[in-house]
Amino acid sequence: VQPGGSLTLSCAASGNTLDKYTIGWIRQAPGKEREELP
């Protein structure tokens, strides 16, 4: 994607619905520490 643009990532669950879970996004950038997102 280009700088300034937008992106939507999806996380699809199987094996169970998500109503019993907390779901989070985490980013691992090159050379950087893992970062917890929302």
PDB file of all heavy atoms in Angstrom:
ATOM      1  N   VAL A   1       0.838  -1.189   0.000  1.00  0.00           N
ATOM      2  CA  VAL A   1       0.000   0.000   0.000  1.00  0.00           C
ATOM      3  C   VAL A   1       0.875   1.243   0.000  1.00  0.00           C
ATOM      4  O   VAL A   1       2.012   1.196   0.468  1.00  0.00           O
ATOM      5  CB  VAL A   1      -0.962   0.030   1.202  1.00  0.00           C
ATOM      6  CG1 VAL A   1      -2.020  -1.039   1.072  1.00  0.00           C
ATOM      7  CG2 VAL A   1      -0.199  -0.146   2.500  1.00  0.00           C
ATOM      8  N   GLN A   2       0.326   2.321  -0.507  1.00  0.00           N
ATOM      9  CA  GLN A   2       1.079   3.569  -0.563  1.00  0.00           C
ATOM     10  C   GLN A   2       0.935   4.352   0.728  1.00  0.00           C
ATOM     11  O   GLN A   2      -0.100   4.258   1.411  1.00  0.00           O
ATOM     12  CB  GLN A   2       0.597   4.413  -1.737  1.00  0.00           C
ATOM     13  CG  GLN A   2       0.944   3.834  -3.090  1.00  0.00           C
ATOM     14  CD  GLN A   2       0.663   4.799  -4.224  1.00  0.00           C
ATOM     15  OE1 GLN A   2      -0.124   5.719  -4.087  1.00  0.00           O
ATOM     16  NE2 GLN A   2       1.318   4.586  -5.351  1.00  0.00           N
ATOM     17  N   PRO A   3       1.932   5.137   1.065  1.00  0.00           N
ATOM     18  CA  PRO A   3       1.806   6.002   2.247  1.00  0.00           C
ATOM     19  C   PRO A   3       0.594   6.921   2.106  1.00  0.00           C
ATOM     20  O   PRO A   3       0.297   7.410   1.016  1.00  0.00           O
ATOM     21  CB  PRO A   3       3.106   6.817   2.228  1.00  0.00           C
ATOM     22  CG  PRO A   3       4.053   6.011   1.427  1.00  0.00           C
ATOM     23  CD  PRO A   3       3.236   5.284   0.402  1.00  0.00           C
ATOM     24  N   GLY A   4      -0.080   7.111   3.204  1.00  0.00           N
ATOM     25  CA  GLY A   4      -1.271   7.939   3.194  1.00  0.00           C
ATOM     26  C   GLY A   4      -2.543   7.187   2.881  1.00  0.00           C
ATOM     27  O   GLY A   4      -3.647   7.707   3.091  1.00  0.00           O
ATOM     28  N   GLY A   5      -2.415   5.978   2.408  1.00  0.00           N
ATOM     29  CA  GLY A   5      -3.585   5.184   2.071  1.00  0.00           C
ATOM     30  C   GLY A   5      -4.182   4.505   3.283  1.00  0.00           C
ATOM     31  O   GLY A   5      -3.764   4.716   4.422  1.00  0.00           O
ATOM     32  N   SER A   6      -5.187   3.683   3.013  1.00  0.00           N
ATOM     33  CA  SER A   6      -5.874   2.941   4.071  1.00  0.00           C
ATOM     34  C   SER A   6      -5.881   1.465   3.745  1.00  0.00           C
ATOM     35  O   SER A   6      -5.780   1.068   2.581  1.00  0.00           O
ATOM     36  CB  SER A   6      -7.317   3.437   4.220  1.00  0.00           C
ATOM     37  OG  SER A   6      -7.358   4.775   4.625  1.00  0.00           O
ATOM     38  N   LEU A   7      -6.059   0.685   4.777  1.00  0.00           N
ATOM     39  CA  LEU A   7      -6.031  -0.766   4.631  1.00  0.00           C
ATOM     40  C   LEU A   7      -6.921  -1.359   5.701  1.00  0.00           C
ATOM     41  O   LEU A   7      -6.959  -0.856   6.836  1.00  0.00           O
ATOM     42  CB  LEU A   7      -4.599  -1.264   4.802  1.00  0.00           C
ATOM     43  CG  LEU A   7      -4.301  -2.736   4.556  1.00  0.00           C
ATOM     44  CD1 LEU A   7      -4.383  -3.031   3.065  1.00  0.00           C
ATOM     45  CD2 LEU A   7      -2.924  -3.089   5.080  1.00  0.00           C
ATOM     46  N   THR A   8      -7.628  -2.422   5.335  1.00  0.00           N
ATOM     47  CA  THR A   8      -8.407  -3.156   6.334  1.00  0.00           C
ATOM     48  C   THR A   8      -7.961  -4.605   6.341  1.00  0.00           C
ATOM     49  O   THR A   8      -8.034  -5.285   5.316  1.00  0.00           O
ATOM     50  CB  THR A   8      -9.912  -3.075   6.053  1.00  0.00           C
ATOM     51  OG1 THR A   8     -10.337  -1.704   6.119  1.00  0.00           O
ATOM     52  CG2 THR A   8     -10.688  -3.871   7.094  1.00  0.00           C
ATOM     53  N   LEU A   9      -7.500  -5.030   7.472  1.00  0.00           N
ATOM     54  CA  LEU A   9      -7.120  -6.423   7.669  1.00  0.00           C
ATOM     55  C   LEU A   9      -8.278  -7.183   8.290  1.00  0.00           C
ATOM     56  O   LEU A   9      -9.031  -6.625   9.092  1.00  0.00           O
ATOM     57  CB  LEU A   9      -5.896  -6.516   8.579  1.00  0.00           C
ATOM     58  CG  LEU A   9      -4.653  -5.760   8.133  1.00  0.00           C
ATOM     59  CD1 LEU A   9      -3.561  -5.891   9.187  1.00  0.00           C
ATOM     60  CD2 LEU A   9      -4.170  -6.260   6.789  1.00  0.00           C
ATOM     61  N   SER A  10      -8.414  -8.444   7.925  1.00  0.00           N
ATOM     62  CA  SER A  10      -9.461  -9.296   8.481  1.00  0.00           C
ATOM     63  C   SER A  10      -8.832 -10.461   9.224  1.00  0.00           C
ATOM     64  O   SER A  10      -7.797 -10.978   8.819  1.00  0.00           O
ATOM     65  CB  SER A  10     -10.366  -9.829   7.374  1.00  0.00           C
ATOM     66  OG  SER A  10     -10.995  -8.786   6.680  1.00  0.00           O
ATOM     67  N   CYS A  11      -9.494 -10.865  10.266  1.00  0.00           N
ATOM     68  CA  CYS A  11      -9.086 -12.023  11.047  1.00  0.00           C
ATOM     69  C   CYS A  11     -10.305 -12.928  11.158  1.00  0.00           C
ATOM     70  O   CYS A  11     -11.253 -12.621  11.893  1.00  0.00           O
ATOM     71  CB  CYS A  11      -8.608 -11.590  12.422  1.00  0.00           C
ATOM     72  SG  CYS A  11      -8.261 -12.954  13.566  1.00  0.00           S
ATOM     73  N   ALA A  12     -10.285 -14.009  10.401  1.00  0.00           N
ATOM     74  CA  ALA A  12     -11.429 -14.917  10.367  1.00  0.00           C
ATOM     75  C   ALA A  12     -11.198 -16.079  11.325  1.00  0.00           C
ATOM     76  O   ALA A  12     -10.132 -16.701  11.308  1.00  0.00           O
ATOM     77  CB  ALA A  12     -11.652 -15.433   8.953  1.00  0.00           C
ATOM     78  N   ALA A  13     -12.208 -16.354  12.117  1.00  0.00           N
ATOM     79  CA  ALA A  13     -12.115 -17.442  13.091  1.00  0.00           C
ATOM     80  C   ALA A  13     -12.843 -18.674  12.586  1.00  0.00           C
ATOM     81  O   ALA A  13     -13.882 -18.575  11.949  1.00  0.00           O
ATOM     82  CB  ALA A  13     -12.709 -17.001  14.418  1.00  0.00           C
ATOM     83  N   SER A  14     -12.308 -19.828  12.902  1.00  0.00           N
ATOM     84  CA  SER A  14     -12.988 -21.093  12.640  1.00  0.00           C
ATOM     85  C   SER A  14     -12.805 -21.988  13.857  1.00  0.00           C
ATOM     86  O   SER A  14     -11.906 -21.785  14.662  1.00  0.00           O
ATOM     87  CB  SER A  14     -12.446 -21.768  11.384  1.00  0.00           C
ATOM     88  OG  SER A  14     -11.071 -22.059  11.534  1.00  0.00           O
ATOM     89  N   GLY A  15     -13.683 -22.940  13.995  1.00  0.00           N
ATOM     90  CA  GLY A  15     -13.613 -23.830  15.142  1.00  0.00           C
ATOM     91  C   GLY A  15     -14.413 -23.350  16.323  1.00  0.00           C
ATOM     92  O   GLY A  15     -14.704 -24.106  17.238  1.00  0.00           O
ATOM     93  N   ASN A  16     -14.763 -22.071  16.326  1.00  0.00           N
ATOM     94  CA  ASN A  16     -15.551 -21.497  17.406  1.00  0.00           C
ATOM     95  C   ASN A  16     -15.892 -20.065  17.024  1.00  0.00           C
ATOM     96  O   ASN A  16     -15.209 -19.452  16.201  1.00  0.00           O
ATOM     97  CB  ASN A  16     -14.765 -21.495  18.717  1.00  0.00           C
ATOM     98  CG  ASN A  16     -15.662 -21.695  19.927  1.00  0.00           C
ATOM     99  OD1 ASN A  16     -16.849 -21.356  19.890  1.00  0.00           O
ATOM    100  ND2 ASN A  16     -15.096 -22.228  20.993  1.00  0.00           N
ATOM    101  N   THR A  17     -16.953 -19.551  17.587  1.00  0.00           N
ATOM    102  CA  THR A  17     -17.244 -18.127  17.400  1.00  0.00           C
ATOM    103  C   THR A  17     -16.447 -17.329  18.427  1.00  0.00           C
ATOM    104  O   THR A  17     -15.899 -17.869  19.383  1.00  0.00           O
ATOM    105  CB  THR A  17     -18.739 -17.838  17.545  1.00  0.00           C
ATOM    106  OG1 THR A  17     -19.180 -18.326  18.820  1.00  0.00           O
ATOM    107  CG2 THR A  17     -19.531 -18.528  16.442  1.00  0.00           C
ATOM    108  N   LEU A  18     -16.407 -16.040  18.212  1.00  0.00           N
ATOM    109  CA  LEU A  18     -15.516 -15.190  18.992  1.00  0.00           C
ATOM    110  C   LEU A  18     -16.144 -14.639  20.264  1.00  0.00           C
ATOM    111  O   LEU A  18     -15.496 -13.876  20.982  1.00  0.00           O
ATOM    112  CB  LEU A  18     -15.025 -14.035  18.110  1.00  0.00           C
ATOM    113  CG  LEU A  18     -14.181 -14.477  16.916  1.00  0.00           C
ATOM    114  CD1 LEU A  18     -13.846 -13.277  16.043  1.00  0.00           C
ATOM    115  CD2 LEU A  18     -12.914 -15.181  17.375  1.00  0.00           C
ATOM    116  N   ASP A  19     -17.384 -15.010  20.558  1.00  0.00           N
ATOM    117  CA  ASP A  19     -18.035 -14.394  21.710  1.00  0.00           C
ATOM    118  C   ASP A  19     -17.464 -14.846  23.048  1.00  0.00           C
ATOM    119  O   ASP A  19     -17.805 -14.283  24.082  1.00  0.00           O
ATOM    120  CB  ASP A  19     -19.552 -14.622  21.654  1.00  0.00           C
ATOM    121  CG  ASP A  19     -19.916 -16.081  21.481  1.00  0.00           C
ATOM    122  OD1 ASP A  19     -19.054 -16.857  21.042  1.00  0.00           O
ATOM    123  OD2 ASP A  19     -21.067 -16.438  21.766  1.00  0.00           O
ATOM    124  N   LYS A  20     -16.589 -15.825  23.031  1.00  0.00           N
ATOM    125  CA  LYS A  20     -15.956 -16.249  24.278  1.00  0.00           C
ATOM    126  C   LYS A  20     -14.502 -15.794  24.363  1.00  0.00           C
ATOM    127  O   LYS A  20     -13.756 -16.218  25.260  1.00  0.00           O
ATOM    128  CB  LYS A  20     -16.007 -17.773  24.404  1.00  0.00           C
ATOM    129  CG  LYS A  20     -17.400 -18.340  24.547  1.00  0.00           C
ATOM    130  CD  LYS A  20     -17.365 -19.853  24.667  1.00  0.00           C
ATOM    131  CE  LYS A  20     -18.743 -20.429  24.909  1.00  0.00           C
ATOM    132  NZ  LYS A  20     -19.679 -20.132  23.803  1.00  0.00           N
ATOM    133  N   TYR A  21     -14.113 -14.912  23.445  1.00  0.00           N
ATOM    134  CA  TYR A  21     -12.712 -14.548  23.332  1.00  0.00           C
ATOM    135  C   TYR A  21     -12.495 -13.040  23.289  1.00  0.00           C
ATOM    136  O   TYR A  21     -13.374 -12.278  22.913  1.00  0.00           O
ATOM    137  CB  TYR A  21     -12.108 -15.146  22.061  1.00  0.00           C
ATOM    138  CG  TYR A  21     -12.124 -16.648  22.020  1.00  0.00           C
ATOM    139  CD1 TYR A  21     -13.179 -17.323  21.423  1.00  0.00           C
ATOM    140  CD2 TYR A  21     -11.088 -17.387  22.580  1.00  0.00           C
ATOM    141  CE1 TYR A  21     -13.199 -18.704  21.378  1.00  0.00           C
ATOM    142  CE2 TYR A  21     -11.107 -18.769  22.536  1.00  0.00           C
ATOM    143  CZ  TYR A  21     -12.162 -19.423  21.936  1.00  0.00           C
ATOM    144  OH  TYR A  21     -12.181 -20.790  21.900  1.00  0.00           O
ATOM    145  N   THR A  22     -11.284 -12.688  23.664  1.00  0.00           N
ATOM    146  CA  THR A  22     -10.740 -11.375  23.369  1.00  0.00           C
ATOM    147  C   THR A  22      -9.839 -11.540  22.159  1.00  0.00           C
ATOM    148  O   THR A  22      -9.054 -12.483  22.089  1.00  0.00           O
ATOM    149  CB  THR A  22      -9.896 -10.859  24.550  1.00  0.00           C
ATOM    150  OG1 THR A  22     -10.741 -10.652  25.675  1.00  0.00           O
ATOM    151  CG2 THR A  22      -9.183  -9.579  24.181  1.00  0.00           C
ATOM    152  N   ILE A  23      -9.963 -10.634  21.204  1.00  0.00           N
ATOM    153  CA  ILE A  23      -9.141 -10.690  20.002  1.00  0.00           C
ATOM    154  C   ILE A  23      -8.298  -9.424  19.925  1.00  0.00           C
ATOM    155  O   ILE A  23      -8.798  -8.318  20.145  1.00  0.00           O
ATOM    156  CB  ILE A  23     -10.008 -10.775  18.732  1.00  0.00           C
ATOM    157  CG1 ILE A  23     -10.965 -11.949  18.808  1.00  0.00           C
ATOM    158  CG2 ILE A  23      -9.108 -10.895  17.491  1.00  0.00           C
ATOM    159  CD1 ILE A  23     -10.310 -13.289  18.898  1.00  0.00           C
ATOM    160  N   GLY A  24      -7.055  -9.605  19.613  1.00  0.00           N
ATOM    161  CA  GLY A  24      -6.173  -8.460  19.470  1.00  0.00           C
ATOM    162  C   GLY A  24      -5.356  -8.550  18.199  1.00  0.00           C
ATOM    163  O   GLY A  24      -5.226  -9.619  17.593  1.00  0.00           O
ATOM    164  N   TRP A  25      -4.844  -7.415  17.781  1.00  0.00           N
ATOM    165  CA  TRP A  25      -3.911  -7.352  16.664  1.00  0.00           C
ATOM    166  C   TRP A  25      -2.542  -6.978  17.212  1.00  0.00           C
ATOM    167  O   TRP A  25      -2.432  -6.130  18.107  1.00  0.00           O
ATOM    168  CB  TRP A  25      -4.364  -6.322  15.635  1.00  0.00           C
ATOM    169  CG  TRP A  25      -5.532  -6.768  14.810  1.00  0.00           C
ATOM    170  CD1 TRP A  25      -6.856  -6.526  15.045  1.00  0.00           C
ATOM    171  CD2 TRP A  25      -5.470  -7.522  13.599  1.00  0.00           C
ATOM    172  NE1 TRP A  25      -7.620  -7.091  14.064  1.00  0.00           N
ATOM    173  CE2 TRP A  25      -6.799  -7.719  13.154  1.00  0.00           C
ATOM    174  CE3 TRP A  25      -4.436  -8.067  12.828  1.00  0.00           C
ATOM    175  CZ2 TRP A  25      -7.110  -8.420  11.989  1.00  0.00           C
ATOM    176  CZ3 TRP A  25      -4.749  -8.762  11.676  1.00  0.00           C
ATOM    177  CH2 TRP A  25      -6.069  -8.929  11.269  1.00  0.00           C
ATOM    178  N   ILE A  26      -1.537  -7.588  16.628  1.00  0.00           N
ATOM    179  CA  ILE A  26      -0.159  -7.369  17.046  1.00  0.00           C
ATOM    180  C   ILE A  26       0.682  -7.168  15.794  1.00  0.00           C
ATOM    181  O   ILE A  26       0.467  -7.846  14.786  1.00  0.00           O
ATOM    182  CB  ILE A  26       0.375  -8.587  17.835  1.00  0.00           C
ATOM    183  CG1 ILE A  26      -0.490  -8.845  19.066  1.00  0.00           C
ATOM    184  CG2 ILE A  26       1.828  -8.376  18.227  1.00  0.00           C
ATOM    185  CD1 ILE A  26      -1.578  -9.871  18.867  1.00  0.00           C
ATOM    186  N   ARG A  27       1.605  -6.247  15.856  1.00  0.00           N
ATOM    187  CA  ARG A  27       2.468  -5.979  14.700  1.00  0.00           C
ATOM    188  C   ARG A  27       3.915  -6.304  15.051  1.00  0.00           C
ATOM    189  O   ARG A  27       4.407  -5.955  16.121  1.00  0.00           O
ATOM    190  CB  ARG A  27       2.355  -4.506  14.294  1.00  0.00           C
ATOM    191  CG  ARG A  27       3.278  -4.101  13.163  1.00  0.00           C
ATOM    192  CD  ARG A  27       2.970  -2.693  12.687  1.00  0.00           C
ATOM    193  NE  ARG A  27       3.245  -1.690  13.689  1.00  0.00           N
ATOM    194  CZ  ARG A  27       2.742  -0.461  13.671  1.00  0.00           C
ATOM    195  NH1 ARG A  27       1.922  -0.107  12.697  1.00  0.00           N
ATOM    196  NH2 ARG A  27       3.064   0.408  14.606  1.00  0.00           N
ATOM    197  N   GLN A  28       4.576  -6.944  14.100  1.00  0.00           N
ATOM    198  CA  GLN A  28       6.005  -7.209  14.216  1.00  0.00           C
ATOM    199  C   GLN A  28       6.686  -6.544  13.044  1.00  0.00           C
ATOM    200  O   GLN A  28       6.574  -7.012  11.902  1.00  0.00           O
ATOM    201  CB  GLN A  28       6.278  -8.715  14.202  1.00  0.00           C
ATOM    202  CG  GLN A  28       7.757  -9.045  14.333  1.00  0.00           C
ATOM    203  CD  GLN A  28       8.282  -8.707  15.704  1.00  0.00           C
ATOM    204  OE1 GLN A  28       7.874  -9.291  16.702  1.00  0.00           O
ATOM    205  NE2 GLN A  28       9.222  -7.766  15.765  1.00  0.00           N
ATOM    206  N   ALA A  29       7.336  -5.428  13.311  1.00  0.00           N
ATOM    207  CA  ALA A  29       8.047  -4.717  12.263  1.00  0.00           C
ATOM    208  C   ALA A  29       9.495  -5.166  12.233  1.00  0.00           C
ATOM    209  O   ALA A  29      10.047  -5.556  13.266  1.00  0.00           O
ATOM    210  CB  ALA A  29       7.974  -3.214  12.519  1.00  0.00           C
ATOM    211  N   PRO A  30      10.136  -5.098  11.080  1.00  0.00           N
ATOM    212  CA  PRO A  30      11.533  -5.540  10.974  1.00  0.00           C
ATOM    213  C   PRO A  30      12.428  -4.774  11.928  1.00  0.00           C
ATOM    214  O   PRO A  30      12.418  -3.542  11.960  1.00  0.00           O
ATOM    215  CB  PRO A  30      11.885  -5.228   9.516  1.00  0.00           C
ATOM    216  CG  PRO A  30      10.587  -5.171   8.803  1.00  0.00           C
ATOM    217  CD  PRO A  30       9.588  -4.649   9.789  1.00  0.00           C
ATOM    218  N   GLY A  31      13.183  -5.520  12.718  1.00  0.00           N
ATOM    219  CA  GLY A  31      14.140  -4.898  13.616  1.00  0.00           C
ATOM    220  C   GLY A  31      13.548  -4.208  14.815  1.00  0.00           C
ATOM    221  O   GLY A  31      14.257  -3.540  15.570  1.00  0.00           O
ATOM    222  N   LYS A  32      12.255  -4.348  14.992  1.00  0.00           N
ATOM    223  CA  LYS A  32      11.600  -3.683  16.126  1.00  0.00           C
ATOM    224  C   LYS A  32      10.939  -4.697  17.042  1.00  0.00           C
ATOM    225  O   LYS A  32      10.656  -5.831  16.654  1.00  0.00           O
ATOM    226  CB  LYS A  32      10.559  -2.684  15.621  1.00  0.00           C
ATOM    227  CG  LYS A  32      11.144  -1.524  14.849  1.00  0.00           C
ATOM    228  CD  LYS A  32      10.062  -0.523  14.501  1.00  0.00           C
ATOM    229  CE  LYS A  32      10.641   0.670  13.758  1.00  0.00           C
ATOM    230  NZ  LYS A  32       9.593   1.669  13.408  1.00  0.00           N
ATOM    231  N   GLU A  33      10.669  -4.246  18.238  1.00  0.00           N
ATOM    232  CA  GLU A  33       9.976  -5.097  19.190  1.00  0.00           C
ATOM    233  C   GLU A  33       8.519  -5.276  18.759  1.00  0.00           C
ATOM    234  O   GLU A  33       7.919  -4.393  18.146  1.00  0.00           O
ATOM    235  CB  GLU A  33      10.033  -4.457  20.580  1.00  0.00           C
ATOM    236  CG  GLU A  33       9.546  -5.340  21.706  1.00  0.00           C
ATOM    237  CD  GLU A  33       9.734  -4.663  23.059  1.00  0.00           C
ATOM    238  OE1 GLU A  33      10.633  -3.825  23.180  1.00  0.00           O
ATOM    239  OE2 GLU A  33       8.964  -4.981  23.971  1.00  0.00           O
ATOM    240  N   ARG A  34       7.969  -6.404  19.083  1.00  0.00           N
ATOM    241  CA  ARG A  34       6.561  -6.658  18.820  1.00  0.00           C
ATOM    242  C   ARG A  34       5.710  -5.574  19.475  1.00  0.00           C
ATOM    243  O   ARG A  34       5.988  -5.143  20.595  1.00  0.00           O
ATOM    244  CB  ARG A  34       6.199  -8.021  19.397  1.00  0.00           C
ATOM    245  CG  ARG A  34       4.819  -8.516  19.054  1.00  0.00           C
ATOM    246  CD  ARG A  34       4.543  -9.794  19.797  1.00  0.00           C
ATOM    247  NE  ARG A  34       4.040  -9.558  21.142  1.00  0.00           N
ATOM    248  CZ  ARG A  34       3.926 -10.504  22.059  1.00  0.00           C
ATOM    249  NH1 ARG A  34       4.322 -11.726  21.790  1.00  0.00           N
ATOM    250  NH2 ARG A  34       3.438 -10.223  23.246  1.00  0.00           N
ATOM    251  N   GLU A  35       4.697  -5.130  18.770  1.00  0.00           N
ATOM    252  CA  GLU A  35       3.842  -4.066  19.283  1.00  0.00           C
ATOM    253  C   GLU A  35       2.389  -4.522  19.334  1.00  0.00           C
ATOM    254  O   GLU A  35       1.816  -4.933  18.328  1.00  0.00           O
ATOM    255  CB  GLU A  35       3.951  -2.811  18.412  1.00  0.00           C
ATOM    256  CG  GLU A  35       3.104  -1.651  18.925  1.00  0.00           C
ATOM    257  CD  GLU A  35       3.244  -0.409  18.076  1.00  0.00           C
ATOM    258  OE1 GLU A  35       3.789  -0.511  16.961  1.00  0.00           O
ATOM    259  OE2 GLU A  35       2.797   0.668  18.537  1.00  0.00           O
ATOM    260  N   GLU A  36       1.804  -4.423  20.500  1.00  0.00           N
ATOM    261  CA  GLU A  36       0.390  -4.739  20.648  1.00  0.00           C
ATOM    262  C   GLU A  36      -0.454  -3.569  20.131  1.00  0.00           C
ATOM    263  O   GLU A  36      -0.248  -2.426  20.526  1.00  0.00           O
ATOM    264  CB  GLU A  36       0.051  -5.017  22.111  1.00  0.00           C
ATOM    265  CG  GLU A  36       0.217  -6.466  22.534  1.00  0.00           C
ATOM    266  CD  GLU A  36       1.660  -6.954  22.547  1.00  0.00           C
ATOM    267  OE1 GLU A  36       2.566  -6.128  22.386  1.00  0.00           O
ATOM    268  OE2 GLU A  36       1.872  -8.154  22.724  1.00  0.00           O
ATOM    269  N   LEU A  37      -1.383  -3.870  19.293  1.00  0.00           N
ATOM    270  CA  LEU A  37      -2.288  -2.895  18.704  1.00  0.00           C
ATOM    271  C   LEU A  37      -3.648  -3.035  19.399  1.00  0.00           C
ATOM    272  O   LEU A  37      -3.712  -3.615  20.490  1.00  0.00           O
ATOM    273  CB  LEU A  37      -2.343  -3.131  17.203  1.00  0.00           C
ATOM    274  CG  LEU A  37      -0.991  -3.032  16.488  1.00  0.00           C
ATOM    275  CD1 LEU A  37      -1.144  -3.367  15.007  1.00  0.00           C
ATOM    276  CD2 LEU A  37      -0.370  -1.645  16.666  1.00  0.00           C
ATOM    277  N   PRO A  38      -4.745  -2.537  18.841  1.00  0.00           N
ATOM    278  CA  PRO A  38      -6.013  -2.604  19.553  1.00  0.00           C
ATOM    279  C   PRO A  38      -6.500  -4.028  19.819  1.00  0.00           C
ATOM    280  O   PRO A  38      -6.092  -4.976  19.160  1.00  0.00           O
ATOM    281  CB  PRO A  38      -6.988  -1.884  18.627  1.00  0.00           C
ATOM    282  CG  PRO A  38      -6.144  -1.011  17.793  1.00  0.00           C
ATOM    283  CD  PRO A  38      -4.857  -1.742  17.614  1.00  0.00           C
TER     284      PRO A  38
END
